[in-house]
Amino acid sequence: MKWSAFIAGGIAGVAAAALLHARRPESMQRLSQGAGRVWRQAKSRGVERAVRAGLATIEHSAKDVRKMAGEESAKAWQRIGELVRSDPHIMREADKILNENGISRPH
């Protein structure tokens, strides 16, 4: 598109707006309110979509973290059990702590 056509279109648009405003001032107000409403709705929908996409990503990530945390926690407790069973002194101390709290050692 040529710059001259762009400038001519802009001048024609300004002239049309001036004529419309001179003949019907309330129509320009309605037109600008309508344009503002359309812009706000488009902006609101865009922000809403972005927020929803972000929340979906966060929710998906949180599920992955919980799943990994559960797996890691199980592995950690399994490793602790292996360490306790590997040393008789630690095993006696663990049994003593469990008995003091009224808990029996799982076999």
PDB file of N, CA and C in Angstrom:
ATOM      1  N   MET A   1       0.848  -1.171   0.000  1.00  0.00           N
ATOM      2  CA  MET A   1       0.000   0.000   0.000  1.00  0.00           C
ATOM      3  C   MET A   1       0.895   1.236   0.000  1.00  0.00           C
ATOM      4  N   LYS A   2       0.519   2.205  -0.802  1.00  0.00           N
ATOM      5  CA  LYS A   2       1.290   3.440  -0.909  1.00  0.00           C
ATOM      6  C   LYS A   2       0.948   4.370   0.252  1.00  0.00           C
ATOM      7  N   TRP A   3       1.928   5.171   0.633  1.00  0.00           N
ATOM      8  CA  TRP A   3       1.713   6.123   1.713  1.00  0.00           C
ATOM      9  C   TRP A   3       0.658   7.159   1.335  1.00  0.00           C
ATOM     10  N   SER A   4       0.616   7.531   0.081  1.00  0.00           N
ATOM     11  CA  SER A   4      -0.364   8.541  -0.346  1.00  0.00           C
ATOM     12  C   SER A   4      -1.793   8.025  -0.169  1.00  0.00           C
ATOM     13  N   ALA A   5      -2.013   6.741  -0.453  1.00  0.00           N
ATOM     14  CA  ALA A   5      -3.343   6.156  -0.272  1.00  0.00           C
ATOM     15  C   ALA A   5      -3.701   6.099   1.212  1.00  0.00           C
ATOM     16  N   PHE A   6      -2.727   5.773   2.042  1.00  0.00           N
ATOM     17  CA  PHE A   6      -2.950   5.708   3.493  1.00  0.00           C
ATOM     18  C   PHE A   6      -3.319   7.086   4.036  1.00  0.00           C
ATOM     19  N   ILE A   7      -2.592   8.115   3.608  1.00  0.00           N
ATOM     20  CA  ILE A   7      -2.860   9.478   4.081  1.00  0.00           C
ATOM     21  C   ILE A   7      -4.203   9.967   3.567  1.00  0.00           C
ATOM     22  N   ALA A   8      -4.523   9.683   2.296  1.00  0.00           N
ATOM     23  CA  ALA A   8      -5.813  10.096   1.728  1.00  0.00           C
ATOM     24  C   ALA A   8      -6.961   9.421   2.478  1.00  0.00           C
ATOM     25  N   GLY A   9      -6.801   8.151   2.824  1.00  0.00           N
ATOM     26  CA  GLY A   9      -7.827   7.442   3.582  1.00  0.00           C
ATOM     27  C   GLY A   9      -8.020   8.043   4.965  1.00  0.00           C
ATOM     28  N   GLY A  10      -6.911   8.427   5.606  1.00  0.00           N
ATOM     29  CA  GLY A  10      -6.993   9.062   6.925  1.00  0.00           C
ATOM     30  C   GLY A  10      -7.716  10.390   6.867  1.00  0.00           C
ATOM     31  N   ILE A  11      -7.410  11.185   5.828  1.00  0.00           N
ATOM     32  CA  ILE A  11      -8.070  12.488   5.666  1.00  0.00           C
ATOM     33  C   ILE A  11      -9.562  12.292   5.385  1.00  0.00           C
ATOM     34  N   ALA A  12      -9.890  11.336   4.557  1.00  0.00           N
ATOM     35  CA  ALA A  12     -11.300  11.061   4.256  1.00  0.00           C
ATOM     36  C   ALA A  12     -12.039  10.609   5.518  1.00  0.00           C
ATOM     37  N   GLY A  13     -11.392   9.801   6.338  1.00  0.00           N
ATOM     38  CA  GLY A  13     -12.004   9.343   7.586  1.00  0.00           C
ATOM     39  C   GLY A  13     -12.253  10.480   8.547  1.00  0.00           C
ATOM     40  N   VAL A  14     -11.303  11.385   8.668  1.00  0.00           N
ATOM     41  CA  VAL A  14     -11.460  12.541   9.562  1.00  0.00           C
ATOM     42  C   VAL A  14     -12.586  13.438   9.047  1.00  0.00           C
ATOM     43  N   ALA A  15     -12.651  13.652   7.723  1.00  0.00           N
ATOM     44  CA  ALA A  15     -13.709  14.488   7.152  1.00  0.00           C
ATOM     45  C   ALA A  15     -15.075  13.855   7.386  1.00  0.00           C
ATOM     46  N   ALA A  16     -15.179  12.541   7.206  1.00  0.00           N
ATOM     47  CA  ALA A  16     -16.457  11.862   7.432  1.00  0.00           C
ATOM     48  C   ALA A  16     -16.864  11.962   8.899  1.00  0.00           C
ATOM     49  N   ALA A  17     -15.913  11.806   9.812  1.00  0.00           N
ATOM     50  CA  ALA A  17     -16.221  11.919  11.242  1.00  0.00           C
ATOM     51  C   ALA A  17     -16.676  13.326  11.590  1.00  0.00           C
ATOM     52  N   ALA A  18     -16.032  14.336  10.996  1.00  0.00           N
ATOM     53  CA  ALA A  18     -16.410  15.725  11.268  1.00  0.00           C
ATOM     54  C   ALA A  18     -17.826  16.004  10.763  1.00  0.00           C
ATOM     55  N   LEU A  19     -18.152  15.528   9.556  1.00  0.00           N
ATOM     56  CA  LEU A  19     -19.506  15.718   9.021  1.00  0.00           C
ATOM     57  C   LEU A  19     -20.544  15.004   9.879  1.00  0.00           C
ATOM     58  N   LEU A  20     -20.261  13.792  10.260  1.00  0.00           N
ATOM     59  CA  LEU A  20     -21.192  13.028  11.089  1.00  0.00           C
ATOM     60  C   LEU A  20     -21.410  13.728  12.420  1.00  0.00           C
ATOM     61  N   HIS A  21     -20.346  14.238  13.001  1.00  0.00           N
ATOM     62  CA  HIS A  21     -20.453  14.928  14.286  1.00  0.00           C
ATOM     63  C   HIS A  21     -21.245  16.233  14.142  1.00  0.00           C
ATOM     64  N   ALA A  22     -21.052  16.930  13.024  1.00  0.00           N
ATOM     65  CA  ALA A  22     -21.765  18.193  12.818  1.00  0.00           C
ATOM     66  C   ALA A  22     -23.264  17.944  12.653  1.00  0.00           C
ATOM     67  N   ARG A  23     -23.627  16.862  11.968  1.00  0.00           N
ATOM     68  CA  ARG A  23     -25.059  16.600  11.718  1.00  0.00           C
ATOM     69  C   ARG A  23     -25.734  15.884  12.884  1.00  0.00           C
ATOM     70  N   ARG A  24     -25.018  14.946  13.493  1.00  0.00           N
ATOM     71  CA  ARG A  24     -25.594  14.163  14.601  1.00  0.00           C
ATOM     72  C   ARG A  24     -24.526  13.948  15.683  1.00  0.00           C
ATOM     73  N   PRO A  25     -24.413  14.866  16.614  1.00  0.00           N
ATOM     74  CA  PRO A  25     -23.375  14.753  17.650  1.00  0.00           C
ATOM     75  C   PRO A  25     -23.522  13.483  18.513  1.00  0.00           C
ATOM     76  N   GLU A  26     -24.769  13.054  18.769  1.00  0.00           N
ATOM     77  CA  GLU A  26     -24.980  11.881  19.620  1.00  0.00           C
ATOM     78  C   GLU A  26     -24.503  10.591  18.944  1.00  0.00           C
ATOM     79  N   SER A  27     -24.497  10.562  17.615  1.00  0.00           N
ATOM     80  CA  SER A  27     -24.062   9.350  16.917  1.00  0.00           C
ATOM     81  C   SER A  27     -22.556   9.103  17.122  1.00  0.00           C
ATOM     82  N   MET A  28     -21.763  10.160  17.186  1.00  0.00           N
ATOM     83  CA  MET A  28     -20.323   9.991  17.439  1.00  0.00           C
ATOM     84  C   MET A  28     -20.089   9.451  18.850  1.00  0.00           C
ATOM     85  N   GLN A  29     -20.899   9.926  19.794  1.00  0.00           N
ATOM     86  CA  GLN A  29     -20.769   9.436  21.157  1.00  0.00           C
ATOM     87  C   GLN A  29     -21.115   7.951  21.215  1.00  0.00           C
ATOM     88  N   ARG A  30     -22.190   7.559  20.568  1.00  0.00           N
ATOM     89  CA  ARG A  30     -22.574   6.144  20.533  1.00  0.00           C
ATOM     90  C   ARG A  30     -21.515   5.298  19.841  1.00  0.00           C
ATOM     91  N   LEU A  31     -20.984   5.843  18.746  1.00  0.00           N
ATOM     92  CA  LEU A  31     -19.957   5.123  17.998  1.00  0.00           C
ATOM     93  C   LEU A  31     -18.706   4.907  18.858  1.00  0.00           C
ATOM     94  N   SER A  32     -18.285   5.944  19.556  1.00  0.00           N
ATOM     95  CA  SER A  32     -17.087   5.809  20.397  1.00  0.00           C
ATOM     96  C   SER A  32     -17.346   4.890  21.591  1.00  0.00           C
ATOM     97  N   GLN A  33     -18.552   4.945  22.167  1.00  0.00           N
ATOM     98  CA  GLN A  33     -18.878   4.031  23.267  1.00  0.00           C
ATOM     99  C   GLN A  33     -18.904   2.584  22.785  1.00  0.00           C
ATOM    100  N   GLY A  34     -19.474   2.374  21.607  1.00  0.00           N
ATOM    101  CA  GLY A  34     -19.514   1.027  21.037  1.00  0.00           C
ATOM    102  C   GLY A  34     -18.112   0.494  20.770  1.00  0.00           C
ATOM    103  N   ALA A  35     -17.263   1.344  20.214  1.00  0.00           N
ATOM    104  CA  ALA A  35     -15.880   0.922  19.955  1.00  0.00           C
ATOM    105  C   ALA A  35     -15.162   0.614  21.267  1.00  0.00           C
ATOM    106  N   GLY A  36     -15.400   1.433  22.270  1.00  0.00           N
ATOM    107  CA  GLY A  36     -14.786   1.189  23.579  1.00  0.00           C
ATOM    108  C   GLY A  36     -15.260  -0.115  24.196  1.00  0.00           C
ATOM    109  N   ARG A  37     -16.554  -0.399  24.068  1.00  0.00           N
ATOM    110  CA  ARG A  37     -17.121  -1.639  24.597  1.00  0.00           C
ATOM    111  C   ARG A  37     -16.522  -2.855  23.888  1.00  0.00           C
ATOM    112  N   VAL A  38     -16.429  -2.776  22.564  1.00  0.00           N
ATOM    113  CA  VAL A  38     -15.840  -3.886  21.800  1.00  0.00           C
ATOM    114  C   VAL A  38     -14.398  -4.109  22.230  1.00  0.00           C
ATOM    115  N   TRP A  39     -13.638  -3.011  22.402  1.00  0.00           N
ATOM    116  CA  TRP A  39     -12.235  -3.127  22.808  1.00  0.00           C
ATOM    117  C   TRP A  39     -12.113  -3.756  24.200  1.00  0.00           C
ATOM    118  N   ARG A  40     -12.944  -3.305  25.159  1.00  0.00           N
ATOM    119  CA  ARG A  40     -12.889  -3.854  26.512  1.00  0.00           C
ATOM    120  C   ARG A  40     -13.227  -5.342  26.524  1.00  0.00           C
ATOM    121  N   GLN A  41     -14.250  -5.736  25.741  1.00  0.00           N
ATOM    122  CA  GLN A  41     -14.627  -7.146  25.692  1.00  0.00           C
ATOM    123  C   GLN A  41     -13.518  -7.989  25.076  1.00  0.00           C
ATOM    124  N   ALA A  42     -12.908  -7.490  24.020  1.00  0.00           N
ATOM    125  CA  ALA A  42     -11.816  -8.234  23.378  1.00  0.00           C
ATOM    126  C   ALA A  42     -10.633  -8.358  24.331  1.00  0.00           C
ATOM    127  N   LYS A  43     -10.320  -7.258  25.000  1.00  0.00           N
ATOM    128  CA  LYS A  43      -9.210  -7.275  25.956  1.00  0.00           C
ATOM    129  C   LYS A  43      -9.510  -8.219  27.109  1.00  0.00           C
ATOM    130  N   SER A  44     -10.743  -8.173  27.619  1.00  0.00           N
ATOM    131  CA  SER A  44     -11.148  -9.025  28.727  1.00  0.00           C
ATOM    132  C   SER A  44     -11.062 -10.496  28.334  1.00  0.00           C
ATOM    133  N   ARG A  45     -11.544 -10.822  27.125  1.00  0.00           N
ATOM    134  CA  ARG A  45     -11.473 -12.209  26.671  1.00  0.00           C
ATOM    135  C   ARG A  45     -10.036 -12.670  26.498  1.00  0.00           C
ATOM    136  N   GLY A  46      -9.197 -11.791  25.983  1.00  0.00           N
ATOM    137  CA  GLY A  46      -7.784 -12.142  25.801  1.00  0.00           C
ATOM    138  C   GLY A  46      -7.092 -12.391  27.128  1.00  0.00           C
ATOM    139  N   VAL A  47      -7.342 -11.516  28.098  1.00  0.00           N
ATOM    140  CA  VAL A  47      -6.749 -11.680  29.428  1.00  0.00           C
ATOM    141  C   VAL A  47      -7.292 -12.949  30.077  1.00  0.00           C
ATOM    142  N   GLU A  48      -8.592 -13.173  29.936  1.00  0.00           N
ATOM    143  CA  GLU A  48      -9.206 -14.358  30.531  1.00  0.00           C
ATOM    144  C   GLU A  48      -8.590 -15.637  29.940  1.00  0.00           C
ATOM    145  N   ARG A  49      -8.407 -15.646  28.617  1.00  0.00           N
ATOM    146  CA  ARG A  49      -7.794 -16.824  27.980  1.00  0.00           C
ATOM    147  C   ARG A  49      -6.370 -17.029  28.485  1.00  0.00           C
ATOM    148  N   ALA A  50      -5.629 -15.953  28.601  1.00  0.00           N
ATOM    149  CA  ALA A  50      -4.247 -16.057  29.075  1.00  0.00           C
ATOM    150  C   ALA A  50      -4.200 -16.575  30.504  1.00  0.00           C
ATOM    151  N   VAL A  51      -5.094 -16.076  31.348  1.00  0.00           N
ATOM    152  CA  VAL A  51      -5.142 -16.528  32.741  1.00  0.00           C
ATOM    153  C   VAL A  51      -5.522 -17.996  32.808  1.00  0.00           C
ATOM    154  N   ARG A  52      -6.529 -18.395  32.033  1.00  0.00           N
ATOM    155  CA  ARG A  52      -6.938 -19.805  32.041  1.00  0.00           C
ATOM    156  C   ARG A  52      -5.802 -20.703  31.573  1.00  0.00           C
ATOM    157  N   ALA A  53      -5.112 -20.292  30.525  1.00  0.00           N
ATOM    158  CA  ALA A  53      -3.996 -21.104  30.018  1.00  0.00           C
ATOM    159  C   ALA A  53      -2.902 -21.208  31.073  1.00  0.00           C
ATOM    160  N   GLY A  54      -2.630 -20.091  31.743  1.00  0.00           N
ATOM    161  CA  GLY A  54      -1.615 -20.099  32.799  1.00  0.00           C
ATOM    162  C   GLY A  54      -2.010 -20.982  33.961  1.00  0.00           C
ATOM    163  N   LEU A  55      -3.281 -20.906  34.374  1.00  0.00           N
ATOM    164  CA  LEU A  55      -3.743 -21.736  35.486  1.00  0.00           C
ATOM    165  C   LEU A  55      -3.713 -23.210  35.125  1.00  0.00           C
ATOM    166  N   ALA A  56      -4.066 -23.524  33.879  1.00  0.00           N
ATOM    167  CA  ALA A  56      -4.028 -24.926  33.458  1.00  0.00           C
ATOM    168  C   ALA A  56      -2.598 -25.450  33.507  1.00  0.00           C
ATOM    169  N   THR A  57      -1.658 -24.623  33.090  1.00  0.00           N
ATOM    170  CA  THR A  57      -0.251 -25.023  33.120  1.00  0.00           C
ATOM    171  C   THR A  57       0.225 -25.207  34.557  1.00  0.00           C
ATOM    172  N   ILE A  58      -0.156 -24.279  35.421  1.00  0.00           N
ATOM    173  CA  ILE A  58       0.243 -24.371  36.833  1.00  0.00           C
ATOM    174  C   ILE A  58      -0.371 -25.604  37.475  1.00  0.00           C
ATOM    175  N   GLU A  59      -1.648 -25.850  37.193  1.00  0.00           N
ATOM    176  CA  GLU A  59      -2.327 -27.011  37.777  1.00  0.00           C
ATOM    177  C   GLU A  59      -1.669 -28.307  37.308  1.00  0.00           C
ATOM    178  N   HIS A  60      -1.345 -28.373  36.026  1.00  0.00           N
ATOM    179  CA  HIS A  60      -0.687 -29.563  35.479  1.00  0.00           C
ATOM    180  C   HIS A  60       0.673 -29.759  36.145  1.00  0.00           C
ATOM    181  N   SER A  61       1.424 -28.679  36.314  1.00  0.00           N
ATOM    182  CA  SER A  61       2.734 -28.753  36.959  1.00  0.00           C
ATOM    183  C   SER A  61       2.606 -29.185  38.410  1.00  0.00           C
ATOM    184  N   ALA A  62       1.587 -28.677  39.100  1.00  0.00           N
ATOM    185  CA  ALA A  62       1.390 -29.041  40.506  1.00  0.00           C
ATOM    186  C   ALA A  62       1.092 -30.532  40.642  1.00  0.00           C
ATOM    187  N   LYS A  63       0.301 -31.080  39.714  1.00  0.00           N
ATOM    188  CA  LYS A  63       0.015 -32.515  39.753  1.00  0.00           C
ATOM    189  C   LYS A  63       1.302 -33.311  39.562  1.00  0.00           C
ATOM    190  N   ASP A  64       2.139 -32.866  38.625  1.00  0.00           N
ATOM    191  CA  ASP A  64       3.407 -33.560  38.393  1.00  0.00           C
ATOM    192  C   ASP A  64       4.298 -33.502  39.632  1.00  0.00           C
ATOM    193  N   VAL A  65       4.352 -32.336  40.280  1.00  0.00           N
ATOM    194  CA  VAL A  65       5.184 -32.178  41.477  1.00  0.00           C
ATOM    195  C   VAL A  65       4.679 -33.073  42.598  1.00  0.00           C
ATOM    196  N   ARG A  66       3.332 -33.102  42.798  1.00  0.00           N
ATOM    197  CA  ARG A  66       2.783 -33.963  43.850  1.00  0.00           C
ATOM    198  C   ARG A  66       3.096 -35.425  43.567  1.00  0.00           C
ATOM    199  N   LYS A  67       2.969 -35.816  42.320  1.00  0.00           N
ATOM    200  CA  LYS A  67       3.248 -37.209  41.956  1.00  0.00           C
ATOM    201  C   LYS A  67       4.717 -37.528  42.216  1.00  0.00           C
ATOM    202  N   MET A  68       5.616 -36.631  41.777  1.00  0.00           N
ATOM    203  CA  MET A  68       7.046 -36.857  41.987  1.00  0.00           C
ATOM    204  C   MET A  68       7.384 -36.829  43.467  1.00  0.00           C
ATOM    205  N   ALA A  69       6.743 -35.924  44.210  1.00  0.00           N
ATOM    206  CA  ALA A  69       7.019 -35.831  45.647  1.00  0.00           C
ATOM    207  C   ALA A  69       6.599 -37.115  46.340  1.00  0.00           C
ATOM    208  N   GLY A  70       5.453 -37.661  45.957  1.00  0.00           N
ATOM    209  CA  GLY A  70       5.000 -38.916  46.549  1.00  0.00           C
ATOM    210  C   GLY A  70       5.952 -40.052  46.250  1.00  0.00           C
ATOM    211  N   GLU A  71       6.425 -40.118  45.007  1.00  0.00           N
ATOM    212  CA  GLU A  71       7.369 -41.163  44.629  1.00  0.00           C
ATOM    213  C   GLU A  71       8.697 -40.975  45.367  1.00  0.00           C
ATOM    214  N   GLU A  72       9.172 -39.742  45.434  1.00  0.00           N
ATOM    215  CA  GLU A  72      10.432 -39.458  46.115  1.00  0.00           C
ATOM    216  C   GLU A  72      10.313 -39.731  47.614  1.00  0.00           C
ATOM    217  N   SER A  73       9.165 -39.383  48.189  1.00  0.00           N
ATOM    218  CA  SER A  73       8.956 -39.620  49.610  1.00  0.00           C
ATOM    219  C   SER A  73       8.984 -41.122  49.906  1.00  0.00           C
ATOM    220  N   ALA A  74       8.314 -41.906  49.068  1.00  0.00           N
ATOM    221  CA  ALA A  74       8.307 -43.360  49.269  1.00  0.00           C
ATOM    222  C   ALA A  74       9.720 -43.922  49.161  1.00  0.00           C
ATOM    223  N   LYS A  75      10.479 -43.418  48.192  1.00  0.00           N
ATOM    224  CA  LYS A  75      11.862 -43.876  48.026  1.00  0.00           C
ATOM    225  C   LYS A  75      12.713 -43.482  49.232  1.00  0.00           C
ATOM    226  N   ALA A  76      12.484 -42.260  49.723  1.00  0.00           N
ATOM    227  CA  ALA A  76      13.258 -41.795  50.876  1.00  0.00           C
ATOM    228  C   ALA A  76      12.965 -42.650  52.108  1.00  0.00           C
ATOM    229  N   TRP A  77      11.677 -42.943  52.367  1.00  0.00           N
ATOM    230  CA  TRP A  77      11.320 -43.765  53.525  1.00  0.00           C
ATOM    231  C   TRP A  77      11.862 -45.189  53.370  1.00  0.00           C
ATOM    232  N   GLN A  78      11.860 -45.680  52.165  1.00  0.00           N
ATOM    233  CA  GLN A  78      12.419 -47.013  51.916  1.00  0.00           C
ATOM    234  C   GLN A  78      13.915 -47.012  52.218  1.00  0.00           C
ATOM    235  N   ARG A  79      14.593 -45.965  51.803  1.00  0.00           N
ATOM    236  CA  ARG A  79      16.040 -45.860  52.059  1.00  0.00           C
ATOM    237  C   ARG A  79      16.312 -45.741  53.560  1.00  0.00           C
ATOM    238  N   ILE A  80      15.486 -44.981  54.274  1.00  0.00           N
ATOM    239  CA  ILE A  80      15.656 -44.855  55.726  1.00  0.00           C
ATOM    240  C   ILE A  80      15.486 -46.219  56.383  1.00  0.00           C
ATOM    241  N   GLY A  81      14.473 -46.963  55.952  1.00  0.00           N
ATOM    242  CA  GLY A  81      14.260 -48.308  56.492  1.00  0.00           C
ATOM    243  C   GLY A  81      15.452 -49.217  56.248  1.00  0.00           C
ATOM    244  N   GLU A  82      16.027 -49.129  55.058  1.00  0.00           N
ATOM    245  CA  GLU A  82      17.210 -49.939  54.744  1.00  0.00           C
ATOM    246  C   GLU A  82      18.382 -49.573  55.654  1.00  0.00           C
ATOM    247  N   LEU A  83      18.566 -48.271  55.883  1.00  0.00           N
ATOM    248  CA  LEU A  83      19.667 -47.831  56.752  1.00  0.00           C
ATOM    249  C   LEU A  83      19.452 -48.295  58.190  1.00  0.00           C
ATOM    250  N   VAL A  84      18.222 -48.199  58.681  1.00  0.00           N
ATOM    251  CA  VAL A  84      17.927 -48.637  60.055  1.00  0.00           C
ATOM    252  C   VAL A  84      18.186 -50.138  60.194  1.00  0.00           C
ATOM    253  N   ARG A  85      17.728 -50.920  59.229  1.00  0.00           N
ATOM    254  CA  ARG A  85      17.916 -52.371  59.297  1.00  0.00           C
ATOM    255  C   ARG A  85      19.380 -52.790  59.124  1.00  0.00           C
ATOM    256  N   SER A  86      20.188 -51.956  58.520  1.00  0.00           N
ATOM    257  CA  SER A  86      21.581 -52.331  58.258  1.00  0.00           C
ATOM    258  C   SER A  86      22.461 -52.255  59.503  1.00  0.00           C
ATOM    259  N   ASP A  87      22.064 -51.491  60.514  1.00  0.00           N
ATOM    260  CA  ASP A  87      22.890 -51.333  61.722  1.00  0.00           C
ATOM    261  C   ASP A  87      22.074 -51.764  62.945  1.00  0.00           C
ATOM    262  N   PRO A  88      22.533 -52.813  63.677  1.00  0.00           N
ATOM    263  CA  PRO A  88      21.786 -53.307  64.841  1.00  0.00           C
ATOM    264  C   PRO A  88      21.585 -52.236  65.921  1.00  0.00           C
ATOM    265  N   HIS A  89      22.589 -51.377  66.132  1.00  0.00           N
ATOM    266  CA  HIS A  89      22.471 -50.334  67.154  1.00  0.00           C
ATOM    267  C   HIS A  89      21.346 -49.350  66.780  1.00  0.00           C
ATOM    268  N   ILE A  90      21.303 -48.958  65.536  1.00  0.00           N
ATOM    269  CA  ILE A  90      20.248 -48.044  65.077  1.00  0.00           C
ATOM    270  C   ILE A  90      18.884 -48.742  65.171  1.00  0.00           C
ATOM    271  N   MET A  91      18.864 -50.040  64.881  1.00  0.00           N
ATOM    272  CA  MET A  91      17.619 -50.805  64.940  1.00  0.00           C
ATOM    273  C   MET A  91      17.086 -50.824  66.378  1.00  0.00           C
ATOM    274  N   ARG A  92      17.968 -51.019  67.358  1.00  0.00           N
ATOM    275  CA  ARG A  92      17.529 -51.022  68.764  1.00  0.00           C
ATOM    276  C   ARG A  92      17.001 -49.644  69.162  1.00  0.00           C
ATOM    277  N   GLU A  93      17.692 -48.588  68.742  1.00  0.00           N
ATOM    278  CA  GLU A  93      17.253 -47.229  69.070  1.00  0.00           C
ATOM    279  C   GLU A  93      15.891 -46.930  68.426  1.00  0.00           C
ATOM    280  N   ALA A  94      15.734 -47.338  67.188  1.00  0.00           N
ATOM    281  CA  ALA A  94      14.456 -47.112  66.504  1.00  0.00           C
ATOM    282  C   ALA A  94      13.335 -47.872  67.204  1.00  0.00           C
ATOM    283  N   ASP A  95      13.599 -49.122  67.584  1.00  0.00           N
ATOM    284  CA  ASP A  95      12.585 -49.911  68.302  1.00  0.00           C
ATOM    285  C   ASP A  95      12.233 -49.246  69.625  1.00  0.00           C
ATOM    286  N   LYS A  96      13.259 -48.716  70.316  1.00  0.00           N
ATOM    287  CA  LYS A  96      13.036 -48.038  71.600  1.00  0.00           C
ATOM    288  C   LYS A  96      12.121 -46.821  71.397  1.00  0.00           C
ATOM    289  N   ILE A  97      12.401 -46.018  70.375  1.00  0.00           N
ATOM    290  CA  ILE A  97      11.585 -44.823  70.103  1.00  0.00           C
ATOM    291  C   ILE A  97      10.158 -45.225  69.738  1.00  0.00           C
ATOM    292  N   LEU A  98      10.028 -46.246  68.912  1.00  0.00           N
ATOM    293  CA  LEU A  98       8.694 -46.697  68.517  1.00  0.00           C
ATOM    294  C   LEU A  98       7.905 -47.205  69.717  1.00  0.00           C
ATOM    295  N   ASN A  99       8.553 -47.998  70.596  1.00  0.00           N
ATOM    296  CA  ASN A  99       7.883 -48.531  71.783  1.00  0.00           C
ATOM    297  C   ASN A  99       7.452 -47.425  72.731  1.00  0.00           C
ATOM    298  N   GLU A 100       8.303 -46.396  72.896  1.00  0.00           N
ATOM    299  CA  GLU A 100       7.957 -45.266  73.761  1.00  0.00           C
ATOM    300  C   GLU A 100       6.708 -44.545  73.257  1.00  0.00           C
ATOM    301  N   ASN A 101       6.472 -44.601  71.966  1.00  0.00           N
ATOM    302  CA  ASN A 101       5.327 -43.925  71.381  1.00  0.00           C
ATOM    303  C   ASN A 101       4.157 -44.864  71.103  1.00  0.00           C
ATOM    304  N   GLY A 102       4.285 -46.095  71.551  1.00  0.00           N
ATOM    305  CA  GLY A 102       3.201 -47.063  71.396  1.00  0.00           C
ATOM    306  C   GLY A 102       3.002 -47.535  69.970  1.00  0.00           C
ATOM    307  N   ILE A 103       4.078 -47.558  69.214  1.00  0.00           N
ATOM    308  CA  ILE A 103       3.986 -47.975  67.812  1.00  0.00           C
ATOM    309  C   ILE A 103       4.841 -49.232  67.648  1.00  0.00           C
ATOM    310  N   SER A 104       4.294 -50.218  66.984  1.00  0.00           N
ATOM    311  CA  SER A 104       5.121 -51.415  66.740  1.00  0.00           C
ATOM    312  C   SER A 104       5.795 -51.283  65.380  1.00  0.00           C
ATOM    313  N   ARG A 105       6.974 -51.878  65.292  1.00  0.00           N
ATOM    314  CA  ARG A 105       7.752 -51.803  64.058  1.00  0.00           C
ATOM    315  C   ARG A 105       7.118 -52.677  63.003  1.00  0.00           C
ATOM    316  N   PRO A 106       6.931 -52.133  61.788  1.00  0.00           N
ATOM    317  CA  PRO A 106       6.403 -52.973  60.693  1.00  0.00           C
ATOM    318  C   PRO A 106       7.453 -53.993  60.289  1.00  0.00           C
ATOM    319  N   HIS A 107       7.017 -55.200  59.966  1.00  0.00           N
ATOM    320  CA  HIS A 107       7.963 -56.245  59.595  1.00  0.00           C
ATOM    321  C   HIS A 107       7.984 -56.431  58.094  1.00  0.00           C
TER     322      HIS A 107
END
